[in-house]
Structures are given as C-alpha cells and as structure tokens.
Amino acid sequence: MEKEANEVMYKMAELMLKKMQENGLINEEECRKIRQLNMETFSPGVDGLGILKGKIMRIPKHADMKIPHMGWNSLHLQNNGRLFENIDEGAYVYFVHSYYLKAEDESIVKATTEYGTTIHASVESDNVFACQFHPEKSSSIGLGILENFTKVK
C-alpha cells in the first residue's frame, strides 16, 4: 500500500511540474532542480540548494509530545500566501516530520503551526513554494491548497 501511495504522490508531483512548465513558471533546468530538491533528504548541517534561506531545525523534545510529529495541526495564515486563497484561518492539515525550516526572512512565511515551538509550516518565495505538512494527505483542505498551486501564474 505504501509503495502505491508513493507512486501516486510521485505522479502528482510530475503532473504539477509539467503544469508549471506549460504555464511558463519554470523551465526544464528548474524542473530538474525541483526534482532534486524533492528527492533529497535534508538534515541539519547538510547544505541544500539554497533556494530558501534559513536553518533546518529539529523539533524540540517535550515530555508530552511525540517526535516525529504525526498528526493534524491547525494553520495560522500570514503574509497572503497564494496557496491559501479561500482557505480558512485555523484549517487543519496533516504533518509527519521531525525537522522544520526556520526561515531567515519572515516575509516568506505564509503559514505557521505550533508543536512545542512555532513551526514555519509553509513558505513562498517568488515561484518557489514549500509546505512542511502533506497537502495530499490533508483532505479537502489539502485539495484546495493543491488546486491553488495549479492556478499560480
């Protein structure tokens, strides 16, 4: 079942990249870089592509919180993120993670959540979007976010 789910997610990502390329949002070289970004595992101390400036942080341990964080959390929306058009403040999305991006520039942070600390749950810089949560596993809210992504110009 997990293998099939991964294949579906990979096909969705490929379709989104194709749509972005058709709409002139990215070129073939950028598609290759985005694929690399999606295929790599980022850990503290490992250089990423540098597209988004910030630090990769481990979620701090708390006695009553499990790591990895697996479950539903609400979003606090800010800075008019294009992925969140028509998404309500406090909408719940699904997370599975132990690390998060702490953005250097707060203006690129479009959504946060709380899990032992404030987590930058979504960032946007020009035509680069990143979500710490899983839109594909986030029910109708996630579908709305993915739909908004396909409308980005």
N, C-alpha and C. Protein backbone atom coordinates (compact mmCIF):
# COMPACT_ATOMS: atom_id res chain seq x y z
N MET A 1 0.82 -1.19 0.00
CA MET A 1 0.00 0.00 0.00
C MET A 1 0.86 1.26 0.00
N GLU A 2 1.96 1.26 0.82
CA GLU A 2 2.82 2.44 0.89
C GLU A 2 3.49 2.69 -0.46
N LYS A 3 3.93 1.62 -1.14
CA LYS A 3 4.56 1.76 -2.44
C LYS A 3 3.59 2.40 -3.44
N GLU A 4 2.34 1.95 -3.42
CA GLU A 4 1.33 2.50 -4.33
C GLU A 4 1.07 3.97 -4.02
N ALA A 5 1.01 4.32 -2.74
CA ALA A 5 0.78 5.72 -2.34
C ALA A 5 1.95 6.59 -2.80
N ASN A 6 3.18 6.10 -2.65
CA ASN A 6 4.34 6.85 -3.10
C ASN A 6 4.32 7.06 -4.61
N GLU A 7 3.89 6.03 -5.36
CA GLU A 7 3.80 6.16 -6.81
C GLU A 7 2.77 7.21 -7.20
N VAL A 8 1.64 7.25 -6.50
CA VAL A 8 0.61 8.25 -6.78
C VAL A 8 1.15 9.64 -6.47
N MET A 9 1.82 9.82 -5.34
CA MET A 9 2.37 11.13 -4.98
C MET A 9 3.42 11.57 -6.00
N TYR A 10 4.26 10.63 -6.47
CA TYR A 10 5.27 10.97 -7.45
C TYR A 10 4.61 11.42 -8.76
N LYS A 11 3.57 10.71 -9.18
CA LYS A 11 2.85 11.09 -10.40
C LYS A 11 2.20 12.46 -10.25
N MET A 12 1.63 12.76 -9.06
CA MET A 12 1.04 14.08 -8.82
C MET A 12 2.10 15.16 -8.91
N ALA A 13 3.27 14.92 -8.34
CA ALA A 13 4.35 15.89 -8.39
C ALA A 13 4.80 16.12 -9.83
N GLU A 14 4.91 15.05 -10.60
CA GLU A 14 5.30 15.17 -12.00
C GLU A 14 4.26 15.97 -12.79
N LEU A 15 2.97 15.73 -12.53
CA LEU A 15 1.92 16.49 -13.21
C LEU A 15 1.97 17.96 -12.85
N MET A 16 2.23 18.26 -11.57
CA MET A 16 2.32 19.67 -11.16
C MET A 16 3.52 20.34 -11.81
N LEU A 17 4.66 19.65 -11.89
CA LEU A 17 5.83 20.22 -12.55
C LEU A 17 5.54 20.48 -14.02
N LYS A 18 4.86 19.55 -14.68
CA LYS A 18 4.52 19.71 -16.09
C LYS A 18 3.61 20.93 -16.27
N LYS A 19 2.62 21.07 -15.40
CA LYS A 19 1.69 22.21 -15.47
C LYS A 19 2.45 23.52 -15.25
N MET A 20 3.37 23.55 -14.30
CA MET A 20 4.16 24.75 -14.05
C MET A 20 5.01 25.10 -15.27
N GLN A 21 5.57 24.09 -15.91
CA GLN A 21 6.40 24.33 -17.09
C GLN A 21 5.54 24.84 -18.24
N GLU A 22 4.35 24.25 -18.45
CA GLU A 22 3.44 24.69 -19.50
C GLU A 22 3.01 26.14 -19.31
N ASN A 23 2.86 26.57 -18.05
CA ASN A 23 2.43 27.94 -17.76
C ASN A 23 3.59 28.92 -17.68
N GLY A 24 4.80 28.47 -18.01
CA GLY A 24 5.95 29.36 -18.03
C GLY A 24 6.47 29.72 -16.65
N LEU A 25 6.06 28.98 -15.62
CA LEU A 25 6.51 29.28 -14.26
C LEU A 25 7.93 28.78 -14.01
N ILE A 26 8.29 27.70 -14.68
CA ILE A 26 9.64 27.15 -14.54
C ILE A 26 10.08 26.60 -15.88
N ASN A 27 11.40 26.51 -16.09
CA ASN A 27 11.93 25.91 -17.31
C ASN A 27 12.44 24.50 -17.00
N GLU A 28 13.00 23.84 -18.02
CA GLU A 28 13.44 22.45 -17.84
C GLU A 28 14.51 22.33 -16.77
N GLU A 29 15.44 23.28 -16.72
CA GLU A 29 16.50 23.24 -15.71
C GLU A 29 15.91 23.36 -14.30
N GLU A 30 14.92 24.25 -14.15
CA GLU A 30 14.28 24.40 -12.84
C GLU A 30 13.52 23.14 -12.47
N CYS A 31 12.89 22.49 -13.45
CA CYS A 31 12.22 21.21 -13.19
C CYS A 31 13.21 20.19 -12.63
N ARG A 32 14.38 20.13 -13.23
CA ARG A 32 15.40 19.19 -12.77
C ARG A 32 15.80 19.50 -11.33
N LYS A 33 15.99 20.80 -11.02
CA LYS A 33 16.39 21.19 -9.67
C LYS A 33 15.29 20.88 -8.66
N ILE A 34 14.04 21.12 -9.05
CA ILE A 34 12.93 20.83 -8.14
C ILE A 34 12.85 19.33 -7.89
N ARG A 35 13.06 18.54 -8.93
CA ARG A 35 13.07 17.08 -8.73
C ARG A 35 14.17 16.70 -7.76
N GLN A 36 15.34 17.30 -7.91
CA GLN A 36 16.44 17.02 -6.98
C GLN A 36 16.05 17.42 -5.57
N LEU A 37 15.42 18.59 -5.45
CA LEU A 37 15.00 19.08 -4.14
C LEU A 37 14.04 18.07 -3.52
N ASN A 38 13.11 17.55 -4.29
CA ASN A 38 12.13 16.61 -3.77
C ASN A 38 12.74 15.24 -3.50
N MET A 39 13.84 14.90 -4.14
CA MET A 39 14.42 13.58 -3.97
C MET A 39 15.45 13.53 -2.84
N GLU A 40 15.92 14.68 -2.39
CA GLU A 40 16.95 14.72 -1.36
C GLU A 40 16.34 14.75 0.03
N THR A 41 17.07 14.23 0.98
CA THR A 41 16.71 14.34 2.39
C THR A 41 17.61 15.39 3.00
N PHE A 42 17.01 16.39 3.63
CA PHE A 42 17.79 17.47 4.22
C PHE A 42 17.89 17.25 5.72
N SER A 43 19.08 17.34 6.25
CA SER A 43 19.35 17.18 7.67
C SER A 43 20.17 18.36 8.14
N PRO A 44 20.15 18.67 9.42
CA PRO A 44 20.97 19.77 9.92
C PRO A 44 22.44 19.56 9.56
N GLY A 45 23.09 20.62 9.13
CA GLY A 45 24.49 20.55 8.77
C GLY A 45 24.75 20.11 7.34
N VAL A 46 23.71 19.76 6.59
CA VAL A 46 23.86 19.35 5.20
C VAL A 46 23.37 20.50 4.33
N ASP A 47 24.21 20.94 3.40
CA ASP A 47 23.82 22.04 2.53
C ASP A 47 22.71 21.62 1.59
N GLY A 48 21.69 22.45 1.47
CA GLY A 48 20.64 22.26 0.49
C GLY A 48 20.96 23.08 -0.74
N LEU A 49 19.97 23.35 -1.56
CA LEU A 49 20.17 24.12 -2.77
C LEU A 49 20.25 25.62 -2.50
N GLY A 50 19.86 26.07 -1.33
CA GLY A 50 19.95 27.49 -1.02
C GLY A 50 18.85 28.33 -1.62
N ILE A 51 17.81 27.70 -2.13
CA ILE A 51 16.70 28.45 -2.73
C ILE A 51 15.94 29.21 -1.66
N LEU A 52 15.74 28.57 -0.53
CA LEU A 52 15.07 29.20 0.61
C LEU A 52 16.10 29.36 1.72
N LYS A 53 16.27 30.58 2.17
CA LYS A 53 17.26 30.86 3.20
C LYS A 53 16.69 30.57 4.58
N GLY A 54 17.45 29.87 5.39
CA GLY A 54 17.02 29.56 6.74
C GLY A 54 17.81 28.38 7.29
N LYS A 55 17.36 27.89 8.42
CA LYS A 55 18.02 26.76 9.06
C LYS A 55 17.04 25.61 9.20
N ILE A 56 17.55 24.41 9.07
CA ILE A 56 16.76 23.21 9.34
C ILE A 56 16.92 22.91 10.83
N MET A 57 15.81 22.87 11.52
CA MET A 57 15.81 22.70 12.98
C MET A 57 15.09 21.40 13.35
N ARG A 58 15.56 20.76 14.40
CA ARG A 58 14.85 19.59 14.94
C ARG A 58 13.76 20.10 15.87
N ILE A 59 12.59 19.50 15.81
CA ILE A 59 11.52 19.86 16.74
C ILE A 59 12.00 19.56 18.15
N PRO A 60 11.91 20.53 19.06
CA PRO A 60 12.40 20.28 20.43
C PRO A 60 11.56 19.23 21.15
N LYS A 61 12.24 18.41 21.95
CA LYS A 61 11.55 17.36 22.70
C LYS A 61 10.82 17.96 23.89
N HIS A 62 9.61 17.49 24.11
CA HIS A 62 8.81 17.84 25.28
C HIS A 62 8.24 16.55 25.83
N ALA A 63 8.06 16.48 27.12
CA ALA A 63 7.59 15.25 27.77
C ALA A 63 6.28 14.74 27.20
N ASP A 64 5.38 15.64 26.84
CA ASP A 64 4.05 15.21 26.39
C ASP A 64 3.88 15.23 24.87
N MET A 65 4.99 15.38 24.12
CA MET A 65 4.89 15.45 22.66
C MET A 65 5.79 14.40 22.02
N LYS A 66 5.24 13.71 21.04
CA LYS A 66 5.99 12.66 20.35
C LYS A 66 6.74 13.25 19.15
N ILE A 67 7.93 12.71 18.94
CA ILE A 67 8.73 13.03 17.77
C ILE A 67 9.00 11.70 17.07
N PRO A 68 8.71 11.53 15.79
CA PRO A 68 8.24 12.57 14.90
C PRO A 68 6.81 13.02 15.20
N HIS A 69 6.55 14.26 14.83
CA HIS A 69 5.21 14.81 14.92
C HIS A 69 4.39 14.18 13.80
N MET A 70 3.37 13.43 14.18
CA MET A 70 2.48 12.78 13.20
C MET A 70 1.06 13.08 13.62
N GLY A 71 0.39 13.89 12.81
CA GLY A 71 -1.00 14.19 13.12
C GLY A 71 -1.45 15.52 12.55
N TRP A 72 -2.66 15.88 12.95
CA TRP A 72 -3.33 17.07 12.44
C TRP A 72 -3.03 18.27 13.32
N ASN A 73 -2.67 19.38 12.70
CA ASN A 73 -2.47 20.65 13.39
C ASN A 73 -3.11 21.76 12.58
N SER A 74 -3.51 22.81 13.31
CA SER A 74 -4.12 23.96 12.63
C SER A 74 -3.05 24.91 12.12
N LEU A 75 -3.41 25.66 11.09
CA LEU A 75 -2.51 26.63 10.49
C LEU A 75 -2.90 28.05 10.89
N HIS A 76 -1.89 28.86 11.16
CA HIS A 76 -2.07 30.30 11.31
C HIS A 76 -1.55 30.91 10.01
N LEU A 77 -2.45 31.53 9.25
CA LEU A 77 -2.08 32.08 7.94
C LEU A 77 -1.57 33.51 8.09
N GLN A 78 -0.57 33.85 7.28
CA GLN A 78 0.02 35.19 7.34
C GLN A 78 0.64 35.54 6.00
N ASN A 79 0.88 36.79 5.77
CA ASN A 79 1.61 37.29 4.60
C ASN A 79 0.98 36.89 3.26
N ASN A 80 -0.32 36.68 3.22
CA ASN A 80 -1.06 36.48 1.96
C ASN A 80 -0.47 35.43 1.03
N GLY A 81 -0.31 34.22 1.52
CA GLY A 81 0.21 33.14 0.69
C GLY A 81 -0.76 32.74 -0.40
N ARG A 82 -0.23 32.59 -1.62
CA ARG A 82 -1.10 32.24 -2.76
C ARG A 82 -1.69 30.84 -2.65
N LEU A 83 -1.02 29.95 -1.93
CA LEU A 83 -1.57 28.59 -1.77
C LEU A 83 -2.80 28.58 -0.87
N PHE A 84 -3.00 29.64 -0.09
CA PHE A 84 -4.04 29.63 0.94
C PHE A 84 -5.25 30.50 0.59
N GLU A 85 -5.37 30.89 -0.68
CA GLU A 85 -6.55 31.63 -1.10
C GLU A 85 -7.79 30.77 -0.86
N ASN A 86 -8.78 31.33 -0.21
CA ASN A 86 -10.03 30.64 0.15
C ASN A 86 -9.85 29.50 1.15
N ILE A 87 -8.74 29.48 1.85
CA ILE A 87 -8.51 28.52 2.94
C ILE A 87 -8.72 29.29 4.25
N ASP A 88 -9.52 28.73 5.14
CA ASP A 88 -9.85 29.42 6.39
C ASP A 88 -8.70 29.39 7.39
N GLU A 89 -8.56 30.49 8.13
CA GLU A 89 -7.64 30.55 9.26
C GLU A 89 -7.97 29.40 10.22
N GLY A 90 -6.96 28.72 10.70
CA GLY A 90 -7.18 27.63 11.64
C GLY A 90 -7.48 26.29 10.97
N ALA A 91 -7.41 26.24 9.63
CA ALA A 91 -7.66 24.97 8.93
C ALA A 91 -6.64 23.93 9.38
N TYR A 92 -7.09 22.68 9.48
CA TYR A 92 -6.22 21.58 9.92
C TYR A 92 -5.63 20.85 8.73
N VAL A 93 -4.31 20.58 8.83
CA VAL A 93 -3.58 19.82 7.82
C VAL A 93 -2.76 18.74 8.52
N TYR A 94 -2.29 17.77 7.74
CA TYR A 94 -1.61 16.60 8.30
C TYR A 94 -0.09 16.72 8.19
N PHE A 95 0.59 16.50 9.31
CA PHE A 95 2.04 16.59 9.40
C PHE A 95 2.65 15.22 9.71
N VAL A 96 3.83 14.96 9.16
CA VAL A 96 4.69 13.84 9.57
C VAL A 96 6.11 14.38 9.42
N HIS A 97 6.74 14.77 10.55
CA HIS A 97 8.09 15.34 10.46
C HIS A 97 8.75 15.40 11.83
N SER A 98 10.07 15.46 11.78
CA SER A 98 10.89 15.65 12.98
C SER A 98 11.68 16.95 12.89
N TYR A 99 11.80 17.51 11.68
CA TYR A 99 12.55 18.72 11.43
C TYR A 99 11.65 19.74 10.74
N TYR A 100 12.08 20.99 10.75
CA TYR A 100 11.33 22.04 10.06
C TYR A 100 12.28 23.14 9.62
N LEU A 101 11.85 23.93 8.65
CA LEU A 101 12.61 25.08 8.19
C LEU A 101 12.30 26.27 9.07
N LYS A 102 13.31 26.90 9.60
CA LYS A 102 13.18 28.19 10.29
C LYS A 102 13.67 29.22 9.29
N ALA A 103 12.71 29.89 8.62
CA ALA A 103 13.05 30.82 7.54
C ALA A 103 13.82 32.01 8.07
N GLU A 104 14.83 32.42 7.32
CA GLU A 104 15.62 33.60 7.66
C GLU A 104 14.79 34.87 7.49
N ASP A 105 13.97 34.90 6.43
CA ASP A 105 13.15 36.07 6.10
C ASP A 105 11.70 35.76 6.47
N GLU A 106 11.19 36.40 7.49
CA GLU A 106 9.82 36.14 7.97
C GLU A 106 8.76 36.46 6.91
N SER A 107 9.08 37.32 5.95
CA SER A 107 8.08 37.70 4.94
C SER A 107 7.74 36.55 4.00
N ILE A 108 8.59 35.52 3.91
CA ILE A 108 8.27 34.38 3.04
C ILE A 108 7.41 33.34 3.76
N VAL A 109 7.24 33.49 5.07
CA VAL A 109 6.43 32.54 5.84
C VAL A 109 4.96 32.84 5.60
N LYS A 110 4.24 31.85 5.09
CA LYS A 110 2.83 32.04 4.75
C LYS A 110 1.89 31.33 5.71
N ALA A 111 2.41 30.36 6.47
CA ALA A 111 1.60 29.67 7.48
C ALA A 111 2.52 29.11 8.55
N THR A 112 2.03 29.14 9.78
CA THR A 112 2.76 28.54 10.90
C THR A 112 1.83 27.60 11.65
N THR A 113 2.43 26.75 12.47
CA THR A 113 1.68 25.90 13.39
C THR A 113 2.50 25.81 14.68
N GLU A 114 1.86 25.35 15.72
CA GLU A 114 2.55 25.18 17.00
C GLU A 114 2.66 23.69 17.32
N TYR A 115 3.89 23.27 17.63
CA TYR A 115 4.13 21.92 18.11
C TYR A 115 5.40 21.96 18.95
N GLY A 116 5.27 22.42 20.17
CA GLY A 116 6.42 22.60 21.04
C GLY A 116 7.22 23.84 20.74
N THR A 117 7.01 24.40 19.56
CA THR A 117 7.64 25.63 19.10
C THR A 117 6.82 26.13 17.92
N THR A 118 7.09 27.34 17.49
CA THR A 118 6.44 27.84 16.28
C THR A 118 7.16 27.27 15.08
N ILE A 119 6.41 26.59 14.23
CA ILE A 119 6.95 25.92 13.05
C ILE A 119 6.48 26.68 11.81
N HIS A 120 7.43 27.01 10.95
CA HIS A 120 7.09 27.63 9.67
C HIS A 120 6.54 26.51 8.78
N ALA A 121 5.22 26.43 8.71
CA ALA A 121 4.55 25.31 8.04
C ALA A 121 4.49 25.46 6.53
N SER A 122 4.58 26.71 6.03
CA SER A 122 4.58 26.93 4.59
C SER A 122 5.32 28.22 4.29
N VAL A 123 6.15 28.16 3.26
CA VAL A 123 6.89 29.34 2.82
C VAL A 123 6.71 29.50 1.31
N GLU A 124 6.87 30.74 0.87
CA GLU A 124 6.72 31.06 -0.55
C GLU A 124 7.70 32.17 -0.87
N SER A 125 8.49 31.97 -1.92
CA SER A 125 9.43 32.99 -2.38
C SER A 125 9.41 32.97 -3.90
N ASP A 126 8.90 34.05 -4.47
CA ASP A 126 8.70 34.12 -5.92
C ASP A 126 7.81 32.94 -6.33
N ASN A 127 8.33 32.07 -7.20
CA ASN A 127 7.54 30.90 -7.62
C ASN A 127 8.04 29.61 -7.00
N VAL A 128 8.61 29.71 -5.80
CA VAL A 128 9.03 28.53 -5.04
C VAL A 128 8.12 28.42 -3.82
N PHE A 129 7.51 27.26 -3.66
CA PHE A 129 6.58 27.00 -2.57
C PHE A 129 7.06 25.77 -1.82
N ALA A 130 6.93 25.79 -0.51
CA ALA A 130 7.28 24.61 0.28
C ALA A 130 6.31 24.52 1.45
N CYS A 131 5.84 23.30 1.70
CA CYS A 131 4.95 23.04 2.83
C CYS A 131 5.57 21.97 3.70
N GLN A 132 5.56 22.19 5.00
CA GLN A 132 6.07 21.21 5.94
C GLN A 132 5.06 20.08 6.13
N PHE A 133 3.80 20.36 5.89
CA PHE A 133 2.73 19.37 6.02
C PHE A 133 2.51 18.67 4.68
N HIS A 134 1.62 17.71 4.68
CA HIS A 134 1.32 16.92 3.48
C HIS A 134 -0.04 17.33 2.92
N PRO A 135 -0.08 18.19 1.89
CA PRO A 135 -1.38 18.56 1.33
C PRO A 135 -2.13 17.34 0.77
N GLU A 136 -1.39 16.40 0.21
CA GLU A 136 -2.03 15.22 -0.40
C GLU A 136 -2.69 14.32 0.63
N LYS A 137 -2.37 14.51 1.92
CA LYS A 137 -2.98 13.72 2.99
C LYS A 137 -3.90 14.56 3.86
N SER A 138 -4.18 15.80 3.42
CA SER A 138 -4.90 16.75 4.26
C SER A 138 -6.34 17.00 3.82
N SER A 139 -6.98 15.97 3.29
CA SER A 139 -8.41 16.00 2.99
C SER A 139 -8.77 17.16 2.07
N SER A 140 -9.95 17.73 2.26
CA SER A 140 -10.44 18.78 1.36
C SER A 140 -9.58 20.05 1.46
N ILE A 141 -9.01 20.33 2.62
CA ILE A 141 -8.13 21.49 2.75
C ILE A 141 -6.90 21.30 1.86
N GLY A 142 -6.32 20.13 1.91
CA GLY A 142 -5.16 19.83 1.07
C GLY A 142 -5.48 19.91 -0.41
N LEU A 143 -6.65 19.42 -0.79
CA LEU A 143 -7.06 19.53 -2.19
C LEU A 143 -7.19 20.98 -2.61
N GLY A 144 -7.72 21.82 -1.72
CA GLY A 144 -7.83 23.25 -2.01
C GLY A 144 -6.46 23.89 -2.19
N ILE A 145 -5.50 23.50 -1.36
CA ILE A 145 -4.14 24.02 -1.47
C ILE A 145 -3.51 23.58 -2.79
N LEU A 146 -3.67 22.31 -3.14
CA LEU A 146 -3.12 21.82 -4.43
C LEU A 146 -3.79 22.49 -5.61
N GLU A 147 -5.10 22.72 -5.52
CA GLU A 147 -5.81 23.42 -6.58
C GLU A 147 -5.26 24.85 -6.73
N ASN A 148 -5.05 25.53 -5.61
CA ASN A 148 -4.47 26.88 -5.66
C ASN A 148 -3.09 26.85 -6.32
N PHE A 149 -2.32 25.81 -6.05
CA PHE A 149 -0.99 25.68 -6.64
C PHE A 149 -1.08 25.61 -8.17
N THR A 150 -2.08 24.88 -8.68
CA THR A 150 -2.20 24.75 -10.15
C THR A 150 -2.62 26.06 -10.80
N LYS A 151 -3.13 27.02 -10.03
CA LYS A 151 -3.58 28.30 -10.57
C LYS A 151 -2.53 29.40 -10.46
N VAL A 152 -1.38 29.10 -9.86
CA VAL A 152 -0.33 30.11 -9.71
C VAL A 152 0.17 30.53 -11.09
N LYS A 153 0.31 31.82 -11.27
CA LYS A 153 0.83 32.35 -12.55
C LYS A 153 2.09 33.12 -12.30
